[in-house]
Protein backbone atom coordinates (compact mmCIF):
# COMPACT_ATOMS: atom_id res chain seq x y z
CA MET A 1 -17.28 -60.19 88.89
CA ASP A 2 -19.48 -60.25 85.80
CA PHE A 3 -19.03 -56.93 84.17
CA ASP A 4 -22.21 -57.44 82.30
CA ASP A 5 -24.23 -57.30 85.54
CA VAL A 6 -22.39 -54.10 86.38
CA LEU A 7 -23.42 -52.63 82.93
CA LYS A 8 -27.06 -53.42 83.33
CA ASP A 9 -26.89 -51.17 86.54
CA VAL A 10 -25.90 -48.13 84.34
CA GLY A 11 -27.66 -48.87 81.24
CA SER A 12 -26.43 -51.55 79.01
CA PHE A 13 -27.56 -49.86 75.77
CA GLY A 14 -28.85 -46.40 76.52
CA PRO A 15 -28.38 -42.84 74.86
CA TYR A 16 -24.60 -42.86 75.96
CA GLN A 17 -23.66 -46.17 73.91
CA LYS A 18 -25.72 -44.93 71.02
CA ILE A 19 -24.12 -41.51 70.86
CA ILE A 20 -20.69 -43.05 71.17
CA ILE A 21 -21.31 -45.71 68.68
CA CYS A 22 -23.12 -43.55 65.95
CA PHE A 23 -20.99 -40.32 66.27
CA VAL A 24 -17.57 -41.46 67.17
CA LEU A 25 -16.90 -45.16 66.41
CA LEU A 26 -18.66 -45.41 63.18
CA PRO A 27 -16.75 -42.69 61.43
CA ALA A 28 -13.66 -44.23 63.06
CA ALA A 29 -14.17 -47.16 60.50
CA LEU A 30 -13.39 -44.65 57.41
CA PRO A 31 -9.48 -44.68 58.09
CA CYS A 32 -9.32 -48.43 57.48
CA ALA A 33 -11.55 -48.42 54.37
CA PHE A 34 -9.68 -45.34 52.91
CA HIS A 35 -6.25 -46.52 53.53
CA ALA A 36 -6.70 -50.34 52.74
CA TYR A 37 -7.84 -49.73 49.25
CA SER A 38 -6.95 -46.11 48.08
CA GLN A 39 -3.51 -47.83 46.82
CA LEU A 40 -5.59 -49.43 44.08
CA PHE A 41 -6.10 -45.91 42.54
CA ILE A 42 -2.88 -44.19 43.75
CA ALA A 43 -0.92 -46.99 41.89
CA ALA A 44 -3.39 -47.62 39.07
CA THR A 45 -1.88 -48.67 35.75
CA PRO A 46 -3.42 -46.48 32.94
CA ARG A 47 -3.32 -47.48 29.37
CA HIS A 48 0.22 -47.04 27.92
CA TRP A 49 2.17 -47.56 24.77
CA CYS A 50 5.81 -47.14 23.57
CA ARG A 51 6.74 -43.65 23.27
CA ILE A 52 7.95 -42.53 19.71
CA PRO A 53 9.91 -39.19 19.95
CA GLU A 54 9.82 -38.63 16.11
CA LEU A 55 6.09 -38.86 16.31
CA GLU A 56 5.26 -36.85 19.34
CA PRO A 57 4.16 -33.67 17.28
CA TRP A 58 1.29 -35.58 15.82
CA LEU A 59 0.37 -37.54 18.97
CA ARG A 60 -2.28 -34.97 20.42
CA ASP A 61 -4.30 -34.49 17.07
CA TYR A 62 -3.83 -37.73 15.30
CA MET A 63 -3.23 -40.39 18.25
CA ASP A 64 -4.94 -43.28 16.38
CA LEU A 65 -2.55 -42.61 13.30
CA VAL A 66 0.36 -42.74 15.43
CA LEU A 67 -0.59 -45.81 17.22
CA ASN A 68 -1.33 -47.57 14.12
CA LEU A 69 2.02 -46.65 12.62
CA SER A 70 4.18 -47.54 15.56
CA ILE A 71 2.35 -50.03 17.88
CA PRO A 72 1.18 -53.69 17.01
CA ILE A 73 -2.34 -54.49 17.52
CA ILE A 74 -2.82 -57.49 19.92
CA SER A 75 -6.63 -57.66 19.56
CA GLU A 76 -9.41 -56.33 17.64
CA GLN A 77 -13.11 -56.24 18.79
CA GLN A 78 -15.60 -54.41 16.74
CA GLN A 79 -14.52 -50.78 16.80
CA PHE A 80 -12.03 -51.02 19.48
CA LEU A 81 -8.40 -51.89 18.87
CA ASP A 82 -6.20 -52.98 21.67
CA TYR A 83 -2.67 -51.82 21.27
CA ALA A 84 0.46 -53.61 22.72
CA SER A 85 1.75 -51.99 25.98
CA CYS A 86 5.36 -53.00 25.72
CA GLU A 87 6.23 -53.44 22.08
CA MET A 88 6.89 -51.19 19.11
CA TYR A 89 7.51 -51.62 15.37
CA LYS A 90 11.11 -51.38 14.53
CA ARG A 91 11.08 -48.85 11.49
CA ASN A 92 12.71 -45.82 10.27
CA TYR A 93 10.31 -43.15 11.93
CA SER A 94 12.60 -40.10 10.52
CA ASP A 95 11.44 -41.26 6.95
CA ILE A 96 7.83 -41.47 8.05
CA VAL A 97 7.93 -38.16 9.56
CA ARG A 98 9.21 -36.58 6.25
CA TYR A 99 6.22 -38.12 4.58
CA LEU A 100 3.72 -36.91 6.98
CA GLU A 101 5.07 -33.49 6.90
CA TYR A 102 3.74 -33.06 3.25
CA ARG A 103 0.29 -34.40 3.99
CA THR A 104 -2.87 -32.25 4.46
CA PRO A 105 -4.97 -32.60 7.53
CA TYR A 106 -7.67 -34.32 5.46
CA GLU A 107 -4.97 -36.71 4.31
CA LEU A 108 -3.90 -37.39 7.62
CA GLN A 109 -7.32 -38.45 8.67
CA ASN A 110 -7.78 -40.79 5.75
CA ASP A 111 -7.23 -44.47 6.49
CA LYS A 112 -4.77 -45.04 3.44
CA VAL A 113 -2.33 -42.94 5.19
CA TRP A 114 -2.40 -45.26 8.34
CA HIS A 115 -0.64 -48.00 6.53
CA ILE A 116 2.60 -46.12 5.21
CA GLY A 117 5.04 -49.00 4.45
CA SER A 118 2.80 -51.75 5.65
CA PRO A 119 3.71 -51.50 9.44
CA LYS A 120 2.29 -55.04 10.13
CA LYS A 121 4.97 -56.47 8.36
CA SER A 122 7.69 -54.77 10.29
CA GLU A 123 9.60 -56.47 13.10
CA THR A 124 8.77 -55.50 16.67
CA GLU A 125 11.18 -54.69 19.56
CA LYS A 126 10.69 -53.53 23.19
CA CYS A 127 10.06 -49.78 23.99
CA GLN A 128 13.27 -47.74 23.61
CA HIS A 129 12.27 -44.48 24.78
CA GLY A 130 10.04 -44.82 27.75
CA TRP A 131 5.88 -44.78 27.49
CA HIS A 132 3.30 -42.68 26.66
CA TYR A 133 0.24 -42.77 29.15
CA ASP A 134 -3.36 -42.33 28.60
CA ARG A 135 -4.09 -39.60 31.31
CA SER A 136 -7.75 -39.27 30.56
CA GLN A 137 -8.96 -41.06 33.59
CA TYR A 138 -5.84 -40.52 35.93
CA PRO A 139 -3.76 -37.45 35.31
CA SER A 140 -0.92 -38.96 37.60
CA THR A 141 -0.33 -42.24 39.28
CA VAL A 142 2.63 -43.87 40.96
CA VAL A 143 2.97 -46.24 37.90
CA ALA A 144 3.10 -43.32 35.43
CA GLU A 145 5.23 -41.18 37.38
CA TRP A 146 8.02 -43.92 37.92
CA ASN A 147 7.33 -46.14 34.79
CA LEU A 148 6.24 -49.22 36.71
CA VAL A 149 5.24 -50.98 33.61
CA CYS A 150 6.32 -53.88 31.32
CA GLU A 151 9.33 -55.44 33.11
CA GLN A 152 8.87 -53.26 36.09
CA ASN A 153 5.01 -54.12 36.30
CA TYR A 154 5.71 -56.79 39.27
CA LEU A 155 6.42 -53.64 41.53
CA VAL A 156 2.78 -52.72 41.79
CA THR A 157 1.96 -56.22 43.03
CA LEU A 158 5.12 -56.06 45.38
CA ALA A 159 3.34 -52.82 46.78
CA LEU A 160 0.40 -54.70 47.81
CA VAL A 161 2.41 -57.69 49.25
CA VAL A 162 4.49 -55.26 51.41
CA PHE A 163 1.37 -53.65 52.44
CA GLY A 164 -0.25 -57.00 53.35
CA VAL A 165 3.22 -57.90 55.32
CA GLY A 166 2.59 -54.67 57.23
CA GLY A 167 -1.02 -55.62 58.14
CA LEU A 168 0.23 -58.90 59.51
CA ILE A 169 2.96 -57.51 61.70
CA GLY A 170 0.69 -54.71 62.81
CA ASN A 171 -2.07 -56.99 63.71
CA TYR A 172 0.22 -58.95 65.98
CA ILE A 173 2.24 -55.99 67.49
CA PHE A 174 -0.80 -53.46 68.17
CA GLY A 175 -2.79 -56.48 69.75
CA TYR A 176 -0.37 -56.30 72.58
CA LEU A 177 -0.34 -52.55 72.66
CA GLN A 178 -4.19 -52.33 72.57
CA ASP A 179 -4.36 -54.50 75.84
CA MET A 180 -1.26 -52.69 77.33
CA TRP A 181 -2.27 -48.94 76.75
CA GLY A 182 -5.87 -49.27 76.49
CA ARG A 183 -8.51 -48.94 73.69
CA ARG A 184 -8.70 -45.20 73.51
CA PRO A 185 -5.04 -44.14 73.48
CA SER A 186 -3.93 -47.01 71.09
CA PHE A 187 -6.76 -46.12 68.80
CA TYR A 188 -5.38 -42.46 68.48
CA ALA A 189 -1.78 -43.62 68.21
CA TYR A 190 -2.55 -45.88 65.36
CA LEU A 191 -4.62 -42.95 63.94
CA LEU A 192 -1.85 -40.54 64.04
CA LEU A 193 0.77 -42.76 62.56
CA GLU A 194 -1.58 -43.75 59.74
CA VAL A 195 -2.36 -40.21 58.72
CA VAL A 196 1.07 -38.98 59.07
CA ALA A 197 2.52 -41.78 57.04
CA CYS A 198 -0.06 -41.55 54.31
CA ALA A 199 0.20 -37.72 53.91
CA ALA A 200 3.95 -38.16 53.84
CA SER A 201 3.91 -40.55 51.02
CA ALA A 202 2.31 -37.77 48.95
CA PHE A 203 5.79 -36.15 48.92
CA ALA A 204 7.75 -39.36 48.15
CA TRP A 205 10.58 -38.75 45.88
CA ASP A 206 11.00 -42.17 44.56
CA PHE A 207 9.29 -45.73 44.55
CA ASN A 208 11.31 -47.14 47.33
CA SER A 209 10.60 -44.11 49.70
CA TRP A 210 6.81 -44.48 48.83
CA LEU A 211 6.92 -48.21 49.39
CA GLY A 212 8.36 -47.73 52.81
CA LEU A 213 5.62 -45.25 53.80
CA ARG A 214 2.82 -47.64 52.50
CA PHE A 215 4.48 -50.44 54.75
CA VAL A 216 4.04 -48.15 57.61
CA VAL A 217 0.34 -47.48 56.72
CA GLY A 218 -0.09 -51.19 56.42
CA LEU A 219 0.91 -51.62 60.01
CA THR A 220 -1.92 -49.71 61.28
CA VAL A 221 -4.82 -50.86 59.17
CA PRO A 222 -6.09 -53.98 60.84
CA ALA A 223 -5.71 -52.27 64.35
CA ILE A 224 -7.51 -48.99 63.20
CA LEU A 225 -10.58 -51.10 62.58
CA ALA A 226 -10.30 -53.41 65.43
CA SER A 227 -10.04 -50.62 68.23
CA PRO A 228 -13.39 -49.11 67.84
CA TYR A 229 -15.27 -52.29 67.26
CA VAL A 230 -13.61 -53.85 70.34
CA LEU A 231 -14.48 -50.61 72.32
CA ALA A 232 -18.20 -50.79 71.02
CA ILE A 233 -18.80 -54.39 72.16
CA GLU A 234 -17.32 -53.80 75.53
CA MET A 235 -19.71 -51.13 76.21
CA VAL A 236 -22.93 -53.06 75.43
CA ASP A 237 -24.56 -56.19 76.71
CA PRO A 238 -23.93 -59.40 74.87
CA GLU A 239 -27.44 -59.01 73.23
CA LYS A 240 -26.39 -55.94 71.29
CA ARG A 241 -23.12 -57.27 70.12
CA VAL A 242 -24.73 -58.50 66.79
CA PHE A 243 -26.07 -54.99 66.58
CA CYS A 244 -22.51 -53.53 66.98
CA THR A 245 -21.03 -56.13 64.57
CA ILE A 246 -23.59 -55.25 61.71
CA VAL A 247 -23.37 -51.39 62.27
CA SER A 248 -19.53 -51.63 62.25
CA ASN A 249 -19.57 -53.49 58.91
CA ILE A 250 -22.27 -51.03 57.23
CA ALA A 251 -19.78 -48.11 58.41
CA TYR A 252 -16.89 -49.88 56.69
CA SER A 253 -18.89 -50.43 53.55
CA CYS A 254 -19.97 -46.83 53.59
CA GLY A 255 -16.30 -46.02 53.71
CA LEU A 256 -15.67 -48.10 50.59
CA VAL A 257 -18.33 -46.18 48.68
CA LEU A 258 -17.18 -42.93 50.11
CA LEU A 259 -13.60 -43.61 48.91
CA ALA A 260 -15.15 -44.13 45.25
CA GLY A 261 -16.53 -40.80 45.49
CA VAL A 262 -13.21 -39.20 46.71
CA VAL A 263 -11.29 -40.76 43.92
CA TYR A 264 -14.04 -39.77 41.24
CA LEU A 265 -13.37 -36.03 42.33
CA ILE A 266 -9.52 -36.38 42.82
CA ARG A 267 -7.46 -38.42 40.28
CA ASP A 268 -3.78 -37.10 40.78
CA TRP A 269 -2.04 -39.67 43.23
CA ARG A 270 -0.24 -37.13 45.34
CA TYR A 271 -3.55 -35.02 45.95
CA LEU A 272 -5.43 -38.30 46.53
CA SER A 273 -3.06 -39.38 49.14
CA LEU A 274 -3.68 -36.31 51.09
CA ALA A 275 -7.46 -36.31 50.49
CA VAL A 276 -7.89 -39.63 52.17
CA SER A 277 -5.53 -38.86 55.21
CA LEU A 278 -5.67 -35.16 56.28
CA PRO A 279 -9.54 -34.92 56.71
CA LEU A 280 -9.14 -37.92 59.21
CA LEU A 281 -7.53 -35.47 61.64
CA LEU A 282 -11.15 -34.32 62.47
CA LEU A 283 -11.50 -37.61 64.42
CA PHE A 284 -9.11 -36.02 67.01
CA SER A 285 -11.82 -33.67 67.90
CA CYS A 286 -13.47 -36.52 69.69
CA PHE A 287 -10.45 -37.31 71.83
CA PHE A 288 -11.83 -36.02 75.12
CA VAL A 289 -15.38 -37.54 74.22
CA LEU A 290 -14.38 -41.10 73.31
CA PRO A 291 -13.97 -43.09 76.82
CA GLU A 292 -11.77 -45.75 77.70
CA SER A 293 -13.38 -49.25 78.03
CA PRO A 294 -14.32 -49.64 81.68
CA ARG A 295 -14.34 -53.24 80.99
CA TRP A 296 -10.55 -53.00 80.22
CA LEU A 297 -9.97 -50.62 83.12
CA LEU A 298 -11.29 -53.39 85.51
CA ALA A 299 -9.24 -55.93 84.05
CA VAL A 300 -6.00 -53.89 84.47
CA ASN A 301 -6.93 -53.04 88.09
CA GLN A 302 -8.03 -49.43 87.70
CA PRO A 303 -11.56 -49.64 89.28
CA GLU A 304 -11.60 -45.77 90.21
CA ARG A 305 -11.33 -44.79 86.61
CA ALA A 306 -13.87 -47.33 85.46
CA ALA A 307 -16.19 -46.12 88.32
CA LYS A 308 -15.89 -42.53 86.98
CA ILE A 309 -16.80 -43.56 83.34
CA LEU A 310 -19.60 -45.71 84.63
CA LYS A 311 -21.30 -42.84 86.45
CA SER A 312 -21.10 -40.69 83.29
CA MET A 313 -22.58 -43.48 81.45
CA ALA A 314 -25.39 -43.65 84.06
CA ARG A 315 -26.09 -40.00 84.07
CA VAL A 316 -26.52 -39.71 80.39
CA ASN A 317 -28.71 -43.06 80.18
CA GLY A 318 -30.88 -41.40 83.01
CA VAL A 319 -30.19 -44.22 85.50
CA PRO A 320 -29.65 -43.33 89.12
CA LEU A 321 -27.04 -44.76 91.12
CA PRO A 322 -26.38 -44.96 94.97
CA SER A 323 -23.98 -42.65 96.26
CA ASN A 324 -21.64 -45.46 97.36
CA PHE A 325 -21.52 -46.76 93.81
CA ALA A 326 -17.63 -46.39 93.50
CA ASN A 327 -16.97 -48.07 96.71
CA THR A 328 -19.42 -50.82 95.96
CA LEU A 329 -17.73 -51.47 92.49
CA ALA A 330 -14.11 -51.47 94.31
CA GLU A 331 -15.19 -53.96 96.74
CA ARG A 332 -16.80 -56.33 94.24
CA PHE A 333 -13.54 -55.91 92.11
CA GLN A 334 -11.19 -56.77 95.07
CA LYS A 335 -13.55 -59.82 95.92
CA SER A 336 -13.16 -61.11 92.43
CA GLN A 337 -9.51 -60.51 92.42
CA SER A 338 -9.06 -62.59 95.50
CA ILE A 339 -10.98 -65.33 93.99
CA LYS A 340 -8.79 -65.19 90.90
CA SER A 341 -5.66 -65.18 92.99
CA ALA A 342 -6.86 -68.24 94.95
CA ASP A 343 -7.44 -70.14 91.52
CA SER A 344 -4.56 -68.68 89.68
CA SER A 345 -2.93 -72.06 89.12
CA SER A 346 -6.03 -72.89 86.82
CA SER A 347 -6.15 -69.47 85.02
CA THR A 348 -3.15 -69.48 82.99
CA PHE A 349 -3.66 -70.53 79.40
CA GLY A 350 -1.44 -70.44 76.12
CA LEU A 351 -1.51 -71.17 72.46
CA LEU A 352 -1.22 -74.93 73.18
CA ASP A 353 -4.59 -74.90 74.75
CA LEU A 354 -6.18 -74.43 71.41
CA PHE A 355 -4.67 -77.68 70.21
CA ARG A 356 -4.39 -79.98 73.30
CA THR A 357 -7.52 -81.84 72.76
CA LYS A 358 -8.75 -83.37 69.55
CA ASN A 359 -12.14 -81.54 69.88
CA MET A 360 -10.62 -77.97 70.45
CA ARG A 361 -7.86 -78.69 67.99
CA HIS A 362 -10.51 -79.32 65.13
CA LYS A 363 -12.49 -76.39 66.00
CA THR A 364 -9.39 -74.11 65.89
CA LEU A 365 -8.34 -75.51 62.57
CA ILE A 366 -11.57 -75.14 60.89
CA ILE A 367 -12.26 -71.62 62.05
CA THR A 368 -8.78 -70.52 61.14
CA LEU A 369 -9.18 -72.14 57.68
CA ILE A 370 -12.57 -70.23 57.16
CA TRP A 371 -11.06 -66.99 58.57
CA PHE A 372 -8.31 -67.31 56.12
CA ALA A 373 -10.55 -67.97 53.16
CA ASN A 374 -12.79 -65.04 54.07
CA THR A 375 -9.94 -62.72 54.53
CA SER A 376 -8.31 -63.65 51.42
CA VAL A 377 -11.30 -63.74 49.17
CA TYR A 378 -12.68 -60.37 50.59
CA VAL A 379 -9.42 -58.55 50.09
CA GLY A 380 -8.73 -60.27 46.62
CA LEU A 381 -12.29 -59.32 45.28
CA SER A 382 -11.90 -55.96 46.39
CA TYR A 383 -8.42 -55.64 44.63
CA TYR A 384 -9.86 -57.44 41.59
CA ALA A 385 -12.42 -54.74 40.93
CA PRO A 386 -10.32 -52.62 38.57
CA ALA A 387 -9.35 -55.60 36.52
CA LEU A 388 -13.00 -56.27 35.40
CA GLY A 389 -12.77 -53.66 32.71
CA GLY A 390 -14.77 -50.60 32.06
CA ASP A 391 -14.67 -47.81 34.50
CA GLU A 392 -12.53 -48.87 37.48
CA ILE A 393 -14.02 -46.37 39.95
CA TRP A 394 -17.38 -47.39 39.07
CA ASN A 395 -16.67 -50.96 39.58
CA PHE A 396 -15.19 -50.36 42.94
CA PHE A 397 -18.13 -48.23 43.91
CA LEU A 398 -20.62 -51.21 42.98
CA ALA A 399 -18.24 -53.55 45.06
CA GLY A 400 -19.01 -51.46 48.24
CA VAL A 401 -22.78 -50.74 47.42
CA VAL A 402 -23.68 -54.37 47.14
CA GLU A 403 -22.54 -55.25 50.58
CA LEU A 404 -25.10 -52.89 52.15
CA PRO A 405 -28.25 -55.09 51.34
CA THR A 406 -26.63 -58.17 52.66
CA TYR A 407 -26.19 -56.46 56.22
CA LEU A 408 -29.95 -55.78 56.37
CA LEU A 409 -30.82 -59.45 55.79
CA LEU A 410 -28.15 -60.46 58.20
CA TRP A 411 -29.65 -58.44 60.91
CA PRO A 412 -32.82 -60.50 61.45
CA GLY A 413 -31.20 -63.69 59.98
CA LEU A 414 -28.67 -64.24 62.58
CA SER A 415 -31.32 -64.14 65.33
CA TYR A 416 -33.84 -66.43 63.64
CA PHE A 417 -31.62 -68.91 61.68
CA GLY A 418 -28.55 -69.04 63.50
CA ARG A 419 -24.92 -68.66 62.53
CA ARG A 420 -23.85 -71.99 60.93
CA TRP A 421 -26.05 -72.13 58.00
CA ILE A 422 -25.92 -68.35 57.27
CA LEU A 423 -22.04 -68.66 57.25
CA CYS A 424 -22.26 -71.88 55.06
CA ILE A 425 -24.73 -70.51 52.45
CA SER A 426 -22.98 -67.16 52.21
CA MET A 427 -19.65 -68.78 51.50
CA LEU A 428 -21.25 -71.26 49.02
CA MET A 429 -23.04 -68.47 47.08
CA GLY A 430 -20.07 -66.51 46.79
CA GLY A 431 -17.76 -69.45 45.78
CA VAL A 432 -20.14 -70.65 43.07
CA ALA A 433 -20.54 -67.08 41.54
CA CYS A 434 -16.77 -66.78 41.52
CA VAL A 435 -16.09 -70.12 39.91
CA ALA A 436 -19.11 -69.55 37.31
CA THR A 437 -17.22 -66.63 35.93
CA PHE A 438 -15.13 -69.27 33.97
CA LEU A 439 -18.02 -69.85 31.73
CA TYR A 440 -18.74 -66.12 31.12
CA SER A 441 -15.22 -64.73 30.70
CA GLN A 442 -16.13 -63.12 27.39
CA GLU A 443 -19.31 -61.45 28.62
CA ALA A 444 -18.25 -58.28 30.62
CA ASN A 445 -22.00 -57.63 31.85
CA VAL A 446 -22.38 -61.19 33.14
CA MET A 447 -18.90 -61.12 34.86
CA LEU A 448 -19.82 -58.08 36.65
CA ILE A 449 -23.06 -59.49 37.79
CA LEU A 450 -21.26 -62.59 39.09
CA TYR A 451 -18.49 -60.42 40.57
CA CYS A 452 -21.14 -58.65 42.63
CA ILE A 453 -22.96 -61.77 43.75
CA GLY A 454 -19.60 -63.09 45.15
CA LYS A 455 -18.87 -59.79 46.95
CA MET A 456 -22.28 -60.02 48.65
CA GLY A 457 -21.51 -63.53 49.70
CA ILE A 458 -18.05 -62.83 51.20
CA SER A 459 -19.25 -59.66 52.94
CA SER A 460 -21.89 -61.68 54.66
CA ALA A 461 -19.64 -64.43 55.66
CA PHE A 462 -17.11 -61.84 56.98
CA VAL A 463 -19.74 -60.53 59.38
CA VAL A 464 -20.88 -63.92 60.70
CA LEU A 465 -17.58 -65.56 61.26
CA PRO A 466 -16.16 -63.41 64.14
CA LEU A 467 -19.49 -63.62 65.91
CA LEU A 468 -19.50 -67.40 65.69
CA ALA A 469 -15.98 -67.84 66.66
CA SER A 470 -16.55 -65.70 69.62
CA GLU A 471 -19.37 -67.85 70.60
CA ILE A 472 -17.31 -71.15 69.88
CA TYR A 473 -14.05 -70.50 71.60
CA PRO A 474 -14.20 -70.71 75.48
CA THR A 475 -13.72 -67.74 77.33
CA VAL A 476 -10.45 -68.69 78.82
CA VAL A 477 -8.96 -68.80 75.47
CA ARG A 478 -11.46 -66.80 73.34
CA GLY A 479 -9.13 -63.57 72.85
CA LEU A 480 -6.13 -65.94 72.11
CA GLY A 481 -8.07 -68.07 69.70
CA MET A 482 -9.57 -65.31 67.77
CA SER A 483 -6.31 -63.50 67.66
CA PHE A 484 -4.60 -66.61 66.42
CA SER A 485 -7.14 -67.28 63.48
CA SER A 486 -7.01 -63.57 62.52
CA VAL A 487 -3.36 -63.24 62.49
CA ILE A 488 -3.07 -66.65 60.28
CA ALA A 489 -5.83 -65.05 58.04
CA MET A 490 -3.59 -62.02 57.44
CA ILE A 491 -1.33 -64.12 55.29
CA GLY A 492 -4.08 -64.10 52.74
CA PRO A 493 -3.68 -60.51 51.79
CA ILE A 494 0.11 -61.27 51.26
CA ILE A 495 -0.69 -63.94 48.82
CA ILE A 496 -3.78 -62.85 47.10
CA PRO A 497 -2.07 -59.82 45.09
CA ILE A 498 0.32 -62.47 43.66
CA ILE A 499 -2.63 -64.62 42.40
CA ASN A 500 -4.25 -61.58 40.92
CA HIS A 501 -0.92 -60.62 39.38
CA MET A 502 -0.87 -64.29 37.59
CA GLY A 503 -4.41 -63.46 36.38
CA GLN A 504 -3.10 -60.82 33.92
CA GLN A 505 -2.79 -63.72 31.36
CA MET A 506 -6.07 -65.40 32.45
CA LEU A 507 -8.64 -62.81 33.72
CA VAL A 508 -10.88 -65.52 35.61
CA LEU A 509 -7.91 -67.38 37.09
CA PRO A 510 -7.88 -65.42 40.47
CA LEU A 511 -11.88 -65.61 40.62
CA ILE A 512 -11.61 -69.40 40.24
CA VAL A 513 -9.03 -69.70 42.88
CA MET A 514 -10.91 -67.56 45.34
CA GLY A 515 -14.24 -69.24 44.49
CA VAL A 516 -12.66 -72.86 45.38
CA LEU A 517 -11.36 -71.40 48.48
CA LEU A 518 -14.82 -70.02 49.53
CA ILE A 519 -16.53 -73.44 48.73
CA VAL A 520 -13.98 -75.40 50.76
CA GLY A 521 -14.38 -72.92 53.69
CA GLY A 522 -18.28 -73.18 53.42
CA LEU A 523 -18.27 -76.99 53.56
CA ALA A 524 -16.04 -76.99 56.52
CA SER A 525 -18.40 -74.69 58.34
CA LEU A 526 -20.82 -77.42 58.44
CA PHE A 527 -18.76 -79.26 60.91
CA LEU A 528 -19.05 -76.44 63.34
CA PRO A 529 -21.77 -76.39 66.05
CA GLU A 530 -24.62 -74.06 65.91
CA THR A 531 -24.33 -71.32 68.69
CA LYS A 532 -27.58 -69.48 68.50
CA GLY A 533 -29.28 -69.28 71.73
CA LYS A 534 -26.63 -71.29 73.62
CA ASN A 535 -24.75 -70.09 76.54
CA LEU A 536 -21.20 -69.14 75.99
CA PRO A 537 -18.58 -71.80 77.18
CA GLN A 538 -16.55 -70.34 79.95
CA THR A 539 -14.01 -73.03 80.49
CA ILE A 540 -12.22 -75.62 78.28
CA ALA A 541 -14.15 -78.35 79.80
CA GLU A 542 -17.55 -76.62 78.78
CA GLY A 543 -15.91 -76.29 75.27
CA GLU A 544 -15.31 -79.74 75.08
CA ALA A 545 -18.84 -80.51 76.06
CA VAL A 546 -19.97 -79.06 72.78
CA PRO A 547 -18.77 -81.56 69.98
CA LEU A 548 -18.22 -80.79 66.24
CA ARG A 549 -21.30 -81.27 64.09
CA CYS A 550 -22.05 -84.35 61.86
CA PHE A 551 -22.04 -82.31 58.75
CA PHE A 552 -25.60 -82.29 57.41
CA ASN A 553 -27.12 -84.40 60.23
CA SER A 554 -28.65 -81.70 62.46
CA ASN A 555 -29.89 -83.95 64.92
CA CYS A 556 -26.57 -85.69 65.89
CA CYS A 557 -24.39 -83.95 68.60
CA GLU A 558 -26.67 -81.15 69.16
CA SER A 559 -27.01 -80.08 72.96
CA LYS A 560 -30.41 -79.07 74.17
CA GLY A 561 -30.30 -77.65 77.73
CA LYS A 562 -29.41 -80.18 80.28
CA SER A 563 -30.44 -83.15 78.15
CA THR A 564 -28.12 -83.87 75.37
CA LYS A 565 -28.07 -86.24 72.44
CA LEU A 566 -24.93 -87.59 73.76
CA GLN A 567 -27.18 -88.94 76.73
CA LEU A 568 -29.68 -90.36 74.42
CA HIS A 569 -26.87 -92.18 72.72
CA ARG A 570 -25.90 -93.65 75.83
CA ASN A 571 -29.62 -95.05 76.16
CA SER A 572 -29.28 -96.47 72.62
CA VAL A 573 -32.07 -94.62 71.08
CA PRO A 574 -32.60 -96.62 67.84
CA GLN A 575 -33.77 -93.86 65.43
CA ILE A 576 -30.48 -91.92 65.96
CA VAL A 577 -27.39 -92.91 64.09
CA ILE A 578 -24.34 -92.48 66.42
CA CYS A 579 -21.26 -90.86 64.45
CA SER A 580 -17.69 -91.47 65.15
CA ILE A 581 -17.16 -88.26 66.96
CA CYS A 582 -20.04 -89.02 69.23
CA LYS A 583 -18.73 -92.54 69.98
CA ALA A 584 -15.43 -90.95 70.76
CA GLU A 585 -17.02 -88.40 73.05
CA ILE A 586 -19.17 -90.92 74.80
CA LYS A 587 -16.14 -93.28 75.25
CA ASN A 588 -14.25 -90.29 76.97
CA ARG A 589 -17.18 -89.46 79.29
CA LYS A 590 -17.37 -93.10 80.36
């Protein structure tokens, strides 16, 4: 039974679907955006210097004086002095204090007093009495509260790695739960666990307890985004799935922009943890409004529940249904089940089917490579925003805002120009922009512009890839293939924080690595077939009939209805060059 035909009988994209998508599923994208990136501000590292107990009384009114007398200068640019964060001068501060006590306020503000005893000639040592933190931007963060700086600064990166590991495990576990429990209950189970864990982290008593709770939050983040999206595309006809994809990404980007606004208003990390979690409990008000996926209900042998939801859908859409609709649906379902039972020997597929043939193996590897590149770079650029310098919150706000125009261009672009070239151009544009930062590492404004271009490119690619992958994988292994690629891609958010951490000594290093990764993925996408306007492959055999592309040669290996270029090759058309892939395909068919 083709559920899309049933959907047309009740309204495939009427007021019912529009209300559910706009007022329930779009707000459901906020938890993922909030919890995936709020950690950048909860665990932000403020400017810090070694604490000198003897000079504490002068710190509030004469900070520049105290820093100049006790902290080495590591760089001096115009009027801005950059002081060392983990070193202090080895001096007799008691004598300095006695000298300062007899100075007038005017003398303390005089530059001559700032060089008592030539501090630059003194030896340096590591901080002996803790650190003083600049709390002008963040009154309190995890880093400042538990002193995760200097020798302990790797713990901030470890927290992001642990969060990524949680996402990898959660993506694997909750994928099964989603198919076992259903889309609706699994979404609310993820949401409750995520909100409780994030809110509880606001009361963490030490770093280890906070880290454990962040791991729990990480478990739910991929699933909390996937469930509403899956439910949306399962309630509309195939022609509207591009719309659902675009709108879902718009909602996610708006979540990033909204998060920047929340952080701007709330800077204390404990209050911020509560602010990005407790308001999301309002989503539970839609518990009795959000329906279960009727497509899933039919798949798990519950036609009665599916018929009830489809009747509600038809009523809201204004579509009349026959009085025996439920019985007719049950009969069609039973008939399709008997057909499946008769052909059960050929309906079981596993992971090996993604690699059994050369054609399918290459497609799987290319899609997985591109998915890994996109996930790694998107997360990496989002994590990298605070490292650009200047106002961290403003940088993150820009990183979210620049995504929105790309979706407006993608909307018609995917329909007119196809998937393959848009994916390639998006990745190459983002990759070149990231690599180009190497030439402008000393120009902050140019760096920010290139960063925004890179973010626009990767956000576009991130929209196109799942759509292209779903149209390349045959139906019998589509869910398995996309799950495999996305799970492998979740390794990226584990590795990318480590690369960003390495970039502390070379600011543009992470951008160069991410740029190269995007360029490689963009070039690899040219080997994939174009899927715009093509029928979805249902079986492995139909997938095999669509070979890989010949890189830039758009004529070679392209199917056009029933007459294919492979058939033209067989007739030895002289103007077409036969590639090695086509030769192998022709040989197999003969």
